[in-house]
Amino acid sequence: MEQLKIILTGSTGMVGEGVLNECLNSEMVEHILVVNRKPCGYNHPKLTEVLLPDFSRVSEIKSQLSGYNCCLFCLGVSSVGMDEVKYTQLTYDLTLGFAKVLAEVNPGMRFSYISGAGTDSTEKGRMMWARVKGKTENDLKKIGFSKVYNFRPGMLKPTPGMKHTLKYYKYAGWLFPILKLIAPGTASTLAELGQSMIRCSYYHYPHDTLEVRDIIKTSRLDSQ
């Protein structure tokens, strides 16, 4: 199997940091280029960092993005307190703009997108964030990547020792074992999410939308 040469975004956030941790410790991953607005605070032989304060200007670092076969796009914002226009700009426009540049410089790349449980693929539902995420998922598939994976995590159990764990998850951790017991399809660990993203790209997993149960299953994937 060809080792993964990964471009990773969002590593200064909880999800991206957890995914980065899995990449750094995975034998399936040869190298990681993290693209962030600010330094991630990690140093590792596998790791290179490029700072991009304004993600709408991704073309400025275009020459540094070539030679990679996988992108794990973990950058995202909460829709709380945001109108649809602004949320669309920071979710759909930002993601598609970045993805189009990657597809141009890395034909054949696999692109993995962190979406969310409840995303609306019809783009017609009542929940604004779910419609926007659904449109983002749908339109990523039209760009020309060899494969697009849309990951829809629910409740996440943080990886111990991470720097960017959200306060909500620190204080709500007691809910995780309860959810795993009564609603196992709603919760996974952040480590499982990271492993799933790595393994789907490494093994060329055939399905493109992964709900929580799929994330848990593919985090242990060893072959097709």
N, C-alpha and C. Protein backbone atom coordinates (compact mmCIF):
# COMPACT_ATOMS: atom_id res chain seq x y z
N MET A 1 0.83 -1.19 0.00
CA MET A 1 0.00 0.00 0.00
C MET A 1 0.88 1.26 0.00
N GLU A 2 0.44 2.26 -0.75
CA GLU A 2 1.15 3.54 -0.78
C GLU A 2 0.89 4.30 0.52
N GLN A 3 1.95 4.74 1.18
CA GLN A 3 1.76 5.54 2.38
C GLN A 3 1.08 6.86 2.05
N LEU A 4 0.42 7.41 3.05
CA LEU A 4 -0.32 8.66 2.85
C LEU A 4 0.58 9.86 3.06
N LYS A 5 0.48 10.79 2.14
CA LYS A 5 1.09 12.11 2.29
C LYS A 5 -0.08 13.08 2.43
N ILE A 6 -0.28 13.56 3.64
CA ILE A 6 -1.53 14.21 4.03
C ILE A 6 -1.39 15.72 4.15
N ILE A 7 -2.40 16.42 3.65
CA ILE A 7 -2.61 17.83 3.98
C ILE A 7 -3.73 17.87 5.00
N LEU A 8 -3.47 18.49 6.13
CA LEU A 8 -4.43 18.53 7.24
C LEU A 8 -4.73 19.97 7.62
N THR A 9 -6.00 20.30 7.72
CA THR A 9 -6.42 21.61 8.19
C THR A 9 -7.12 21.48 9.54
N GLY A 10 -7.14 22.57 10.30
CA GLY A 10 -7.89 22.60 11.55
C GLY A 10 -7.19 22.01 12.74
N SER A 11 -5.86 21.87 12.69
CA SER A 11 -5.17 21.20 13.79
C SER A 11 -5.02 22.06 15.04
N THR A 12 -5.49 23.31 14.99
CA THR A 12 -5.53 24.12 16.21
C THR A 12 -6.91 24.05 16.86
N GLY A 13 -7.77 23.19 16.34
CA GLY A 13 -9.06 22.91 16.95
C GLY A 13 -9.07 21.52 17.54
N MET A 14 -10.11 21.19 18.29
CA MET A 14 -10.16 19.92 18.99
C MET A 14 -10.12 18.73 18.04
N VAL A 15 -10.97 18.74 17.02
CA VAL A 15 -11.05 17.61 16.11
C VAL A 15 -9.76 17.48 15.30
N GLY A 16 -9.30 18.58 14.73
CA GLY A 16 -8.09 18.54 13.93
C GLY A 16 -6.87 18.10 14.71
N GLU A 17 -6.76 18.55 15.97
CA GLU A 17 -5.63 18.14 16.80
C GLU A 17 -5.67 16.64 17.07
N GLY A 18 -6.87 16.14 17.36
CA GLY A 18 -7.00 14.71 17.60
C GLY A 18 -6.65 13.88 16.38
N VAL A 19 -7.07 14.35 15.21
CA VAL A 19 -6.74 13.65 13.96
C VAL A 19 -5.24 13.73 13.70
N LEU A 20 -4.64 14.89 13.93
CA LEU A 20 -3.20 15.04 13.77
C LEU A 20 -2.44 14.05 14.66
N ASN A 21 -2.88 13.90 15.88
CA ASN A 21 -2.23 12.96 16.81
C ASN A 21 -2.23 11.55 16.25
N GLU A 22 -3.35 11.13 15.66
CA GLU A 22 -3.42 9.80 15.08
C GLU A 22 -2.50 9.68 13.86
N CYS A 23 -2.42 10.74 13.06
CA CYS A 23 -1.56 10.72 11.88
C CYS A 23 -0.08 10.60 12.26
N LEU A 24 0.32 11.33 13.28
CA LEU A 24 1.72 11.32 13.70
C LEU A 24 2.14 9.94 14.20
N ASN A 25 1.18 9.18 14.72
CA ASN A 25 1.49 7.86 15.30
C ASN A 25 1.12 6.70 14.39
N SER A 26 0.75 7.00 13.15
CA SER A 26 0.32 5.95 12.23
C SER A 26 1.42 5.57 11.26
N GLU A 27 1.65 4.27 11.09
CA GLU A 27 2.63 3.78 10.12
C GLU A 27 2.12 3.93 8.69
N MET A 28 0.82 4.19 8.54
CA MET A 28 0.25 4.39 7.22
C MET A 28 0.54 5.77 6.66
N VAL A 29 1.00 6.67 7.52
CA VAL A 29 1.21 8.07 7.14
C VAL A 29 2.70 8.36 7.03
N GLU A 30 3.10 8.83 5.86
CA GLU A 30 4.51 9.17 5.63
C GLU A 30 4.82 10.60 6.04
N HIS A 31 3.91 11.52 5.72
CA HIS A 31 4.18 12.94 5.99
C HIS A 31 2.87 13.69 6.13
N ILE A 32 2.89 14.75 6.94
CA ILE A 32 1.71 15.60 7.14
C ILE A 32 2.11 17.05 6.93
N LEU A 33 1.39 17.74 6.07
CA LEU A 33 1.51 19.18 5.93
C LEU A 33 0.29 19.79 6.61
N VAL A 34 0.49 20.52 7.70
CA VAL A 34 -0.64 21.18 8.35
C VAL A 34 -0.72 22.62 7.84
N VAL A 35 -1.92 23.01 7.48
CA VAL A 35 -2.18 24.37 7.01
C VAL A 35 -3.10 25.02 8.04
N ASN A 36 -2.58 26.04 8.71
CA ASN A 36 -3.31 26.67 9.81
C ASN A 36 -3.22 28.19 9.72
N ARG A 37 -4.15 28.82 10.43
CA ARG A 37 -4.08 30.28 10.56
C ARG A 37 -3.01 30.69 11.57
N LYS A 38 -2.77 29.83 12.55
CA LYS A 38 -1.77 30.09 13.59
C LYS A 38 -1.03 28.79 13.89
N PRO A 39 0.16 28.87 14.53
CA PRO A 39 0.95 27.65 14.77
C PRO A 39 0.19 26.62 15.61
N CYS A 40 0.38 25.35 15.27
CA CYS A 40 -0.30 24.28 15.99
C CYS A 40 0.44 23.88 17.26
N GLY A 41 1.72 24.24 17.36
CA GLY A 41 2.48 23.94 18.56
C GLY A 41 3.09 22.55 18.60
N TYR A 42 3.12 21.85 17.45
CA TYR A 42 3.69 20.51 17.40
C TYR A 42 4.96 20.51 16.56
N ASN A 43 5.93 19.71 16.98
CA ASN A 43 7.15 19.47 16.21
C ASN A 43 7.33 17.97 16.08
N HIS A 44 7.59 17.51 14.86
CA HIS A 44 7.71 16.08 14.62
C HIS A 44 8.41 15.89 13.28
N PRO A 45 9.23 14.83 13.14
CA PRO A 45 9.91 14.60 11.85
C PRO A 45 8.96 14.46 10.66
N LYS A 46 7.73 13.99 10.91
CA LYS A 46 6.76 13.83 9.83
C LYS A 46 6.07 15.13 9.44
N LEU A 47 6.22 16.15 10.25
CA LEU A 47 5.33 17.31 10.19
C LEU A 47 5.99 18.53 9.55
N THR A 48 5.25 19.17 8.64
CA THR A 48 5.60 20.48 8.10
C THR A 48 4.38 21.38 8.30
N GLU A 49 4.64 22.64 8.60
CA GLU A 49 3.52 23.56 8.84
C GLU A 49 3.62 24.77 7.91
N VAL A 50 2.48 25.14 7.36
CA VAL A 50 2.37 26.36 6.56
C VAL A 50 1.28 27.22 7.18
N LEU A 51 1.58 28.47 7.42
CA LEU A 51 0.59 29.38 7.99
C LEU A 51 -0.14 30.12 6.88
N LEU A 52 -1.46 30.14 6.97
CA LEU A 52 -2.31 30.81 6.00
C LEU A 52 -3.39 31.58 6.77
N PRO A 53 -3.11 32.83 7.15
CA PRO A 53 -4.04 33.61 7.97
C PRO A 53 -5.42 33.77 7.34
N ASP A 54 -5.49 33.80 6.00
CA ASP A 54 -6.76 33.99 5.30
C ASP A 54 -6.93 32.82 4.32
N PHE A 55 -7.83 31.88 4.65
CA PHE A 55 -8.01 30.69 3.83
C PHE A 55 -8.64 31.00 2.47
N SER A 56 -9.18 32.18 2.30
CA SER A 56 -9.71 32.55 0.99
C SER A 56 -8.59 32.86 0.01
N ARG A 57 -7.35 32.93 0.50
CA ARG A 57 -6.20 33.24 -0.34
C ARG A 57 -5.27 32.03 -0.47
N VAL A 58 -5.88 30.87 -0.54
CA VAL A 58 -5.11 29.62 -0.59
C VAL A 58 -4.21 29.56 -1.82
N SER A 59 -4.57 30.25 -2.90
CA SER A 59 -3.75 30.23 -4.10
C SER A 59 -2.34 30.76 -3.85
N GLU A 60 -2.16 31.55 -2.78
CA GLU A 60 -0.85 32.11 -2.46
C GLU A 60 0.15 31.04 -2.01
N ILE A 61 -0.34 29.90 -1.53
CA ILE A 61 0.55 28.81 -1.09
C ILE A 61 0.43 27.60 -2.02
N LYS A 62 -0.12 27.82 -3.18
CA LYS A 62 -0.39 26.74 -4.13
C LYS A 62 0.83 25.86 -4.39
N SER A 63 1.99 26.48 -4.54
CA SER A 63 3.19 25.72 -4.87
C SER A 63 3.62 24.78 -3.75
N GLN A 64 3.17 25.06 -2.52
CA GLN A 64 3.55 24.22 -1.38
C GLN A 64 2.58 23.06 -1.14
N LEU A 65 1.52 22.99 -1.95
CA LEU A 65 0.48 21.99 -1.75
C LEU A 65 0.60 20.79 -2.68
N SER A 66 1.55 20.81 -3.60
CA SER A 66 1.66 19.71 -4.56
C SER A 66 2.42 18.54 -3.96
N GLY A 67 2.14 17.34 -4.49
CA GLY A 67 2.86 16.15 -4.06
C GLY A 67 2.18 15.37 -2.95
N TYR A 68 0.92 15.68 -2.68
CA TYR A 68 0.18 15.01 -1.61
C TYR A 68 -0.96 14.18 -2.21
N ASN A 69 -1.30 13.08 -1.54
CA ASN A 69 -2.33 12.19 -2.08
C ASN A 69 -3.59 12.13 -1.22
N CYS A 70 -3.63 12.93 -0.17
CA CYS A 70 -4.76 12.86 0.76
C CYS A 70 -4.93 14.20 1.48
N CYS A 71 -6.16 14.61 1.66
CA CYS A 71 -6.46 15.78 2.50
C CYS A 71 -7.48 15.40 3.56
N LEU A 72 -7.18 15.75 4.80
CA LEU A 72 -8.12 15.58 5.90
C LEU A 72 -8.54 16.98 6.32
N PHE A 73 -9.73 17.39 5.90
CA PHE A 73 -10.19 18.76 6.11
C PHE A 73 -11.01 18.82 7.39
N CYS A 74 -10.36 19.29 8.46
CA CYS A 74 -10.98 19.31 9.79
C CYS A 74 -11.32 20.73 10.24
N LEU A 75 -11.18 21.69 9.36
CA LEU A 75 -11.47 23.08 9.70
C LEU A 75 -12.97 23.30 9.68
N GLY A 76 -13.49 23.98 10.71
CA GLY A 76 -14.92 24.25 10.74
C GLY A 76 -15.28 25.21 11.84
N VAL A 77 -16.51 25.75 11.76
CA VAL A 77 -17.00 26.69 12.76
C VAL A 77 -18.37 26.25 13.24
N SER A 78 -18.74 26.70 14.42
CA SER A 78 -20.09 26.46 14.93
C SER A 78 -21.06 27.44 14.28
N SER A 79 -22.28 26.99 14.07
CA SER A 79 -23.31 27.86 13.48
C SER A 79 -24.03 28.70 14.52
N VAL A 80 -23.72 28.50 15.80
CA VAL A 80 -24.42 29.20 16.88
C VAL A 80 -24.24 30.72 16.73
N GLY A 81 -25.35 31.44 16.70
CA GLY A 81 -25.32 32.89 16.61
C GLY A 81 -24.95 33.43 15.24
N MET A 82 -24.95 32.58 14.22
CA MET A 82 -24.52 33.00 12.89
C MET A 82 -25.68 32.89 11.90
N ASP A 83 -25.81 33.87 11.01
CA ASP A 83 -26.85 33.77 9.98
C ASP A 83 -26.36 32.88 8.84
N GLU A 84 -27.28 32.54 7.94
CA GLU A 84 -26.96 31.58 6.89
C GLU A 84 -25.91 32.09 5.92
N VAL A 85 -25.95 33.38 5.63
CA VAL A 85 -24.98 33.95 4.69
C VAL A 85 -23.56 33.81 5.23
N LYS A 86 -23.37 34.19 6.49
CA LYS A 86 -22.04 34.13 7.09
C LYS A 86 -21.59 32.68 7.26
N TYR A 87 -22.50 31.83 7.71
CA TYR A 87 -22.14 30.43 7.91
C TYR A 87 -21.77 29.76 6.59
N THR A 88 -22.50 30.09 5.54
CA THR A 88 -22.19 29.56 4.21
C THR A 88 -20.80 30.01 3.76
N GLN A 89 -20.48 31.26 4.02
CA GLN A 89 -19.17 31.79 3.64
C GLN A 89 -18.05 31.04 4.35
N LEU A 90 -18.21 30.78 5.66
CA LEU A 90 -17.15 30.17 6.45
C LEU A 90 -17.14 28.64 6.37
N THR A 91 -18.18 28.08 5.82
CA THR A 91 -18.27 26.61 5.71
C THR A 91 -18.18 26.17 4.26
N TYR A 92 -19.18 26.52 3.47
CA TYR A 92 -19.21 26.08 2.07
C TYR A 92 -18.12 26.77 1.23
N ASP A 93 -18.13 28.10 1.21
CA ASP A 93 -17.20 28.84 0.33
C ASP A 93 -15.74 28.54 0.67
N LEU A 94 -15.42 28.55 1.96
CA LEU A 94 -14.04 28.32 2.38
C LEU A 94 -13.58 26.91 2.01
N THR A 95 -14.43 25.92 2.29
CA THR A 95 -14.07 24.53 2.01
C THR A 95 -13.92 24.27 0.52
N LEU A 96 -14.89 24.72 -0.28
CA LEU A 96 -14.84 24.48 -1.72
C LEU A 96 -13.68 25.23 -2.37
N GLY A 97 -13.40 26.43 -1.89
CA GLY A 97 -12.27 27.18 -2.44
C GLY A 97 -10.95 26.48 -2.22
N PHE A 98 -10.75 25.98 -1.02
CA PHE A 98 -9.53 25.24 -0.68
C PHE A 98 -9.46 23.95 -1.50
N ALA A 99 -10.58 23.25 -1.57
CA ALA A 99 -10.61 21.95 -2.25
C ALA A 99 -10.32 22.09 -3.74
N LYS A 100 -10.82 23.12 -4.38
CA LYS A 100 -10.60 23.29 -5.82
C LYS A 100 -9.12 23.49 -6.15
N VAL A 101 -8.41 24.22 -5.30
CA VAL A 101 -6.98 24.40 -5.51
C VAL A 101 -6.25 23.06 -5.33
N LEU A 102 -6.62 22.29 -4.32
CA LEU A 102 -5.99 20.99 -4.10
C LEU A 102 -6.22 20.05 -5.28
N ALA A 103 -7.44 20.02 -5.80
CA ALA A 103 -7.75 19.14 -6.92
C ALA A 103 -6.95 19.52 -8.16
N GLU A 104 -6.67 20.80 -8.30
CA GLU A 104 -5.90 21.27 -9.45
C GLU A 104 -4.44 20.84 -9.36
N VAL A 105 -3.85 20.93 -8.17
CA VAL A 105 -2.42 20.62 -8.05
C VAL A 105 -2.14 19.16 -7.73
N ASN A 106 -3.16 18.43 -7.25
CA ASN A 106 -2.97 17.01 -6.89
C ASN A 106 -4.07 16.15 -7.50
N PRO A 107 -4.04 15.94 -8.81
CA PRO A 107 -5.04 15.06 -9.43
C PRO A 107 -4.97 13.66 -8.81
N GLY A 108 -6.11 13.09 -8.54
CA GLY A 108 -6.14 11.76 -7.94
C GLY A 108 -6.15 11.75 -6.42
N MET A 109 -6.14 12.92 -5.80
CA MET A 109 -6.13 13.01 -4.34
C MET A 109 -7.44 12.48 -3.75
N ARG A 110 -7.36 11.91 -2.52
CA ARG A 110 -8.55 11.58 -1.73
C ARG A 110 -8.80 12.71 -0.74
N PHE A 111 -10.05 13.14 -0.64
CA PHE A 111 -10.41 14.30 0.20
C PHE A 111 -11.42 13.86 1.25
N SER A 112 -11.09 14.08 2.53
CA SER A 112 -11.98 13.72 3.63
C SER A 112 -12.45 14.98 4.33
N TYR A 113 -13.76 15.07 4.52
CA TYR A 113 -14.39 16.28 5.07
C TYR A 113 -15.12 15.96 6.37
N ILE A 114 -14.84 16.73 7.40
CA ILE A 114 -15.59 16.59 8.65
C ILE A 114 -16.89 17.37 8.53
N SER A 115 -17.98 16.63 8.48
CA SER A 115 -19.32 17.21 8.38
C SER A 115 -19.97 17.13 9.76
N GLY A 116 -21.00 16.36 9.93
CA GLY A 116 -21.61 16.21 11.24
C GLY A 116 -22.86 15.36 11.20
N ALA A 117 -23.16 14.68 12.29
CA ALA A 117 -24.38 13.89 12.38
C ALA A 117 -25.59 14.79 12.17
N GLY A 118 -26.50 14.36 11.33
CA GLY A 118 -27.68 15.15 11.05
C GLY A 118 -27.57 16.01 9.81
N THR A 119 -26.45 15.93 9.10
CA THR A 119 -26.28 16.70 7.87
C THR A 119 -27.36 16.33 6.87
N ASP A 120 -27.86 17.33 6.15
CA ASP A 120 -29.00 17.18 5.25
C ASP A 120 -28.54 17.12 3.79
N SER A 121 -28.47 15.92 3.25
CA SER A 121 -28.01 15.75 1.88
C SER A 121 -28.98 16.31 0.85
N THR A 122 -30.24 16.48 1.23
CA THR A 122 -31.23 17.03 0.29
C THR A 122 -31.09 18.54 0.13
N GLU A 123 -30.42 19.18 1.09
CA GLU A 123 -30.22 20.64 1.11
C GLU A 123 -31.53 21.41 1.28
N LYS A 124 -32.60 20.73 1.73
CA LYS A 124 -33.92 21.37 1.80
C LYS A 124 -34.54 21.36 3.19
N GLY A 125 -33.84 20.84 4.18
CA GLY A 125 -34.41 20.70 5.52
C GLY A 125 -34.53 22.02 6.28
N ARG A 126 -35.05 21.94 7.49
CA ARG A 126 -35.31 23.14 8.29
C ARG A 126 -34.05 23.67 8.97
N MET A 127 -33.08 22.79 9.24
CA MET A 127 -31.89 23.20 9.96
C MET A 127 -30.88 23.84 9.02
N MET A 128 -30.59 25.13 9.27
CA MET A 128 -29.70 25.87 8.38
C MET A 128 -28.34 25.20 8.24
N TRP A 129 -27.71 24.88 9.38
CA TRP A 129 -26.36 24.31 9.33
C TRP A 129 -26.34 23.00 8.57
N ALA A 130 -27.41 22.21 8.71
CA ALA A 130 -27.46 20.90 8.07
C ALA A 130 -27.59 21.04 6.55
N ARG A 131 -28.33 22.04 6.10
CA ARG A 131 -28.44 22.30 4.66
C ARG A 131 -27.09 22.72 4.07
N VAL A 132 -26.41 23.63 4.77
CA VAL A 132 -25.13 24.13 4.28
C VAL A 132 -24.10 23.00 4.24
N LYS A 133 -24.06 22.20 5.29
CA LYS A 133 -23.14 21.06 5.31
C LYS A 133 -23.48 20.07 4.20
N GLY A 134 -24.78 19.86 3.98
CA GLY A 134 -25.20 18.95 2.92
C GLY A 134 -24.77 19.42 1.54
N LYS A 135 -24.91 20.71 1.29
CA LYS A 135 -24.47 21.27 0.00
C LYS A 135 -22.96 21.15 -0.14
N THR A 136 -22.24 21.36 0.96
CA THR A 136 -20.79 21.23 0.94
C THR A 136 -20.39 19.80 0.59
N GLU A 137 -21.00 18.84 1.26
CA GLU A 137 -20.73 17.43 0.95
C GLU A 137 -21.00 17.13 -0.53
N ASN A 138 -22.17 17.53 -1.00
CA ASN A 138 -22.58 17.22 -2.37
C ASN A 138 -21.64 17.82 -3.40
N ASP A 139 -21.27 19.08 -3.20
CA ASP A 139 -20.47 19.76 -4.21
C ASP A 139 -18.99 19.37 -4.17
N LEU A 140 -18.51 18.89 -3.05
CA LEU A 140 -17.15 18.36 -3.00
C LEU A 140 -16.99 17.17 -3.95
N LYS A 141 -18.05 16.42 -4.12
CA LYS A 141 -17.99 15.24 -4.98
C LYS A 141 -17.88 15.61 -6.46
N LYS A 142 -18.17 16.86 -6.79
CA LYS A 142 -18.19 17.29 -8.19
C LYS A 142 -16.86 17.91 -8.64
N ILE A 143 -15.91 18.05 -7.72
CA ILE A 143 -14.70 18.81 -8.02
C ILE A 143 -13.70 18.02 -8.86
N GLY A 144 -13.64 16.70 -8.66
CA GLY A 144 -12.72 15.90 -9.46
C GLY A 144 -11.72 15.10 -8.66
N PHE A 145 -11.90 14.98 -7.34
CA PHE A 145 -11.05 14.11 -6.54
C PHE A 145 -11.30 12.65 -6.92
N SER A 146 -10.31 11.79 -6.67
CA SER A 146 -10.52 10.37 -6.95
C SER A 146 -11.55 9.79 -5.98
N LYS A 147 -11.63 10.37 -4.77
CA LYS A 147 -12.62 9.93 -3.80
C LYS A 147 -12.85 11.04 -2.78
N VAL A 148 -14.11 11.25 -2.41
CA VAL A 148 -14.46 12.17 -1.33
C VAL A 148 -15.15 11.37 -0.23
N TYR A 149 -14.65 11.53 1.00
CA TYR A 149 -15.27 10.90 2.16
C TYR A 149 -15.87 11.98 3.04
N ASN A 150 -17.14 11.84 3.37
CA ASN A 150 -17.81 12.77 4.27
C ASN A 150 -18.05 12.07 5.60
N PHE A 151 -17.41 12.60 6.64
CA PHE A 151 -17.50 12.00 7.97
C PHE A 151 -18.52 12.79 8.80
N ARG A 152 -19.44 12.06 9.44
CA ARG A 152 -20.51 12.69 10.21
C ARG A 152 -20.46 12.24 11.68
N PRO A 153 -19.48 12.72 12.43
CA PRO A 153 -19.38 12.32 13.84
C PRO A 153 -20.49 12.93 14.68
N GLY A 154 -20.79 12.29 15.79
CA GLY A 154 -21.73 12.83 16.76
C GLY A 154 -20.96 13.30 17.99
N MET A 155 -21.36 12.79 19.16
CA MET A 155 -20.64 13.08 20.38
C MET A 155 -19.25 12.45 20.30
N LEU A 156 -18.22 13.21 20.65
CA LEU A 156 -16.85 12.73 20.57
C LEU A 156 -16.22 12.69 21.96
N LYS A 157 -15.55 11.59 22.26
CA LYS A 157 -14.77 11.52 23.49
C LYS A 157 -13.36 12.00 23.17
N PRO A 158 -12.91 13.10 23.78
CA PRO A 158 -11.59 13.66 23.44
C PRO A 158 -10.45 12.69 23.74
N THR A 159 -9.37 12.87 23.02
CA THR A 159 -8.15 12.13 23.29
C THR A 159 -7.44 12.77 24.48
N PRO A 160 -7.09 12.00 25.49
CA PRO A 160 -6.42 12.58 26.67
C PRO A 160 -5.12 13.31 26.29
N GLY A 161 -4.88 14.42 26.96
CA GLY A 161 -3.63 15.14 26.78
C GLY A 161 -3.62 16.17 25.67
N MET A 162 -4.71 16.31 24.94
CA MET A 162 -4.75 17.28 23.85
C MET A 162 -4.87 18.71 24.39
N LYS A 163 -4.37 19.67 23.61
CA LYS A 163 -4.32 21.06 24.04
C LYS A 163 -5.61 21.83 23.77
N HIS A 164 -6.39 21.38 22.80
CA HIS A 164 -7.50 22.21 22.30
C HIS A 164 -8.87 21.59 22.55
N THR A 165 -8.99 20.76 23.57
CA THR A 165 -10.29 20.16 23.89
C THR A 165 -11.27 21.24 24.33
N LEU A 166 -12.44 21.25 23.70
CA LEU A 166 -13.47 22.24 24.04
C LEU A 166 -13.98 22.00 25.46
N LYS A 167 -14.30 23.09 26.16
CA LYS A 167 -14.75 22.98 27.55
C LYS A 167 -15.98 22.10 27.67
N TYR A 168 -16.88 22.21 26.69
CA TYR A 168 -18.10 21.40 26.73
C TYR A 168 -17.77 19.92 26.86
N TYR A 169 -16.78 19.46 26.08
CA TYR A 169 -16.44 18.05 26.09
C TYR A 169 -15.72 17.66 27.38
N LYS A 170 -14.98 18.60 27.96
CA LYS A 170 -14.33 18.31 29.23
C LYS A 170 -15.36 18.06 30.33
N TYR A 171 -16.42 18.87 30.32
CA TYR A 171 -17.42 18.78 31.39
C TYR A 171 -18.52 17.77 31.10
N ALA A 172 -18.68 17.39 29.83
CA ALA A 172 -19.76 16.47 29.46
C ALA A 172 -19.23 15.06 29.23
N GLY A 173 -17.99 14.81 29.60
CA GLY A 173 -17.40 13.50 29.37
C GLY A 173 -18.15 12.36 30.03
N TRP A 174 -18.83 12.66 31.13
CA TRP A 174 -19.56 11.61 31.84
C TRP A 174 -20.72 11.06 31.00
N LEU A 175 -21.15 11.83 29.97
CA LEU A 175 -22.24 11.38 29.12
C LEU A 175 -21.83 10.28 28.16
N PHE A 176 -20.54 10.23 27.85
CA PHE A 176 -20.07 9.32 26.80
C PHE A 176 -20.41 7.86 27.07
N PRO A 177 -20.08 7.29 28.23
CA PRO A 177 -20.43 5.88 28.45
C PRO A 177 -21.93 5.62 28.46
N ILE A 178 -22.71 6.63 28.86
CA ILE A 178 -24.16 6.46 28.84
C ILE A 178 -24.66 6.39 27.41
N LEU A 179 -24.17 7.30 26.56
CA LEU A 179 -24.57 7.30 25.16
C LEU A 179 -24.13 6.01 24.47
N LYS A 180 -22.93 5.55 24.78
CA LYS A 180 -22.46 4.31 24.17
C LYS A 180 -23.35 3.13 24.54
N LEU A 181 -23.96 3.20 25.72
CA LEU A 181 -24.81 2.11 26.19
C LEU A 181 -26.21 2.19 25.59
N ILE A 182 -26.81 3.37 25.63
CA ILE A 182 -28.22 3.49 25.21
C ILE A 182 -28.39 3.91 23.75
N ALA A 183 -27.37 4.56 23.17
CA ALA A 183 -27.47 5.02 21.78
C ALA A 183 -26.08 4.91 21.13
N PRO A 184 -25.60 3.70 20.88
CA PRO A 184 -24.23 3.51 20.42
C PRO A 184 -23.93 4.15 19.06
N GLY A 185 -24.98 4.48 18.31
CA GLY A 185 -24.78 5.11 17.02
C GLY A 185 -24.63 6.61 17.08
N THR A 186 -24.47 7.16 18.30
CA THR A 186 -24.37 8.62 18.43
C THR A 186 -23.04 9.09 18.97
N ALA A 187 -22.15 8.18 19.36
CA ALA A 187 -20.91 8.60 20.02
C ALA A 187 -19.74 7.73 19.60
N SER A 188 -18.58 8.37 19.44
CA SER A 188 -17.34 7.66 19.17
C SER A 188 -16.21 8.43 19.85
N THR A 189 -15.04 7.84 19.86
CA THR A 189 -13.89 8.57 20.38
C THR A 189 -13.27 9.38 19.25
N LEU A 190 -12.55 10.43 19.63
CA LEU A 190 -11.83 11.23 18.64
C LEU A 190 -10.73 10.39 17.98
N ALA A 191 -10.14 9.48 18.74
CA ALA A 191 -9.13 8.57 18.17
C ALA A 191 -9.74 7.69 17.09
N GLU A 192 -10.97 7.21 17.31
CA GLU A 192 -11.64 6.40 16.29
C GLU A 192 -11.91 7.21 15.03
N LEU A 193 -12.29 8.47 15.20
CA LEU A 193 -12.51 9.33 14.04
C LEU A 193 -11.21 9.50 13.24
N GLY A 194 -10.11 9.79 13.93
CA GLY A 194 -8.83 9.95 13.26
C GLY A 194 -8.39 8.70 12.53
N GLN A 195 -8.52 7.55 13.21
CA GLN A 195 -8.14 6.28 12.58
C GLN A 195 -9.02 5.97 11.38
N SER A 196 -10.30 6.28 11.48
CA SER A 196 -11.21 6.05 10.36
C SER A 196 -10.82 6.88 9.15
N MET A 197 -10.47 8.14 9.37
CA MET A 197 -10.08 9.02 8.26
C MET A 197 -8.81 8.50 7.59
N ILE A 198 -7.87 8.06 8.39
CA ILE A 198 -6.62 7.53 7.84
C ILE A 198 -6.88 6.24 7.05
N ARG A 199 -7.59 5.32 7.66
CA ARG A 199 -7.77 3.99 7.07
C ARG A 199 -8.65 4.01 5.83
N CYS A 200 -9.66 4.87 5.80
CA CYS A 200 -10.50 4.96 4.60
C CYS A 200 -9.67 5.39 3.39
N SER A 201 -8.78 6.37 3.60
CA SER A 201 -7.93 6.82 2.50
C SER A 201 -6.87 5.79 2.13
N TYR A 202 -6.31 5.14 3.12
CA TYR A 202 -5.23 4.17 2.89
C TYR A 202 -5.75 2.94 2.15
N TYR A 203 -6.92 2.44 2.57
CA TYR A 203 -7.47 1.22 1.98
C TYR A 203 -8.47 1.50 0.86
N HIS A 204 -8.69 2.76 0.51
CA HIS A 204 -9.64 3.13 -0.55
C HIS A 204 -11.04 2.56 -0.25
N TYR A 205 -11.54 2.90 0.93
CA TYR A 205 -12.87 2.43 1.35
C TYR A 205 -13.92 2.83 0.32
N PRO A 206 -14.82 1.92 -0.10
CA PRO A 206 -15.72 2.20 -1.22
C PRO A 206 -16.85 3.18 -0.93
N HIS A 207 -17.30 3.29 0.31
CA HIS A 207 -18.43 4.16 0.62
C HIS A 207 -17.96 5.58 0.90
N ASP A 208 -18.83 6.57 0.63
CA ASP A 208 -18.37 7.95 0.76
C ASP A 208 -18.96 8.72 1.92
N THR A 209 -20.03 8.25 2.53
CA THR A 209 -20.62 8.94 3.67
C THR A 209 -20.56 8.02 4.88
N LEU A 210 -19.93 8.51 5.95
CA LEU A 210 -19.71 7.67 7.13
C LEU A 210 -20.39 8.28 8.34
N GLU A 211 -21.44 7.60 8.81
CA GLU A 211 -22.11 7.98 10.04
C GLU A 211 -21.30 7.40 11.22
N VAL A 212 -21.77 7.63 12.43
CA VAL A 212 -21.00 7.24 13.61
C VAL A 212 -20.66 5.75 13.61
N ARG A 213 -21.63 4.91 13.32
CA ARG A 213 -21.37 3.46 13.32
C ARG A 213 -20.31 3.10 12.28
N ASP A 214 -20.34 3.77 11.13
CA ASP A 214 -19.35 3.51 10.08
C ASP A 214 -17.96 3.97 10.52
N ILE A 215 -17.91 5.10 11.22
CA ILE A 215 -16.64 5.62 11.73
C ILE A 215 -15.99 4.62 12.68
N ILE A 216 -16.79 4.08 13.59
CA ILE A 216 -16.27 3.10 14.54
C ILE A 216 -15.78 1.85 13.81
N LYS A 217 -16.59 1.38 12.86
CA LYS A 217 -16.24 0.17 12.11
C LYS A 217 -14.95 0.36 11.33
N THR A 218 -14.82 1.45 10.59
CA THR A 218 -13.66 1.64 9.73
C THR A 218 -12.41 2.06 10.50
N SER A 219 -12.57 2.46 11.75
CA SER A 219 -11.38 2.79 12.56
C SER A 219 -10.54 1.54 12.82
N ARG A 220 -11.13 0.37 12.58
CA ARG A 220 -10.43 -0.90 12.77
C ARG A 220 -10.17 -1.61 11.44
N LEU A 221 -10.40 -0.88 10.35
CA LEU A 221 -10.29 -1.47 9.02
C LEU A 221 -8.85 -1.93 8.74
N ASP A 222 -8.70 -3.16 8.28
CA ASP A 222 -7.38 -3.69 7.97
C ASP A 222 -7.20 -4.00 6.49
N SER A 223 -8.32 -4.15 5.77
CA SER A 223 -8.27 -4.39 4.33
C SER A 223 -9.64 -4.11 3.76
N GLN A 224 -9.74 -4.11 2.45
CA GLN A 224 -11.02 -3.84 1.81
C GLN A 224 -12.00 -4.97 2.09
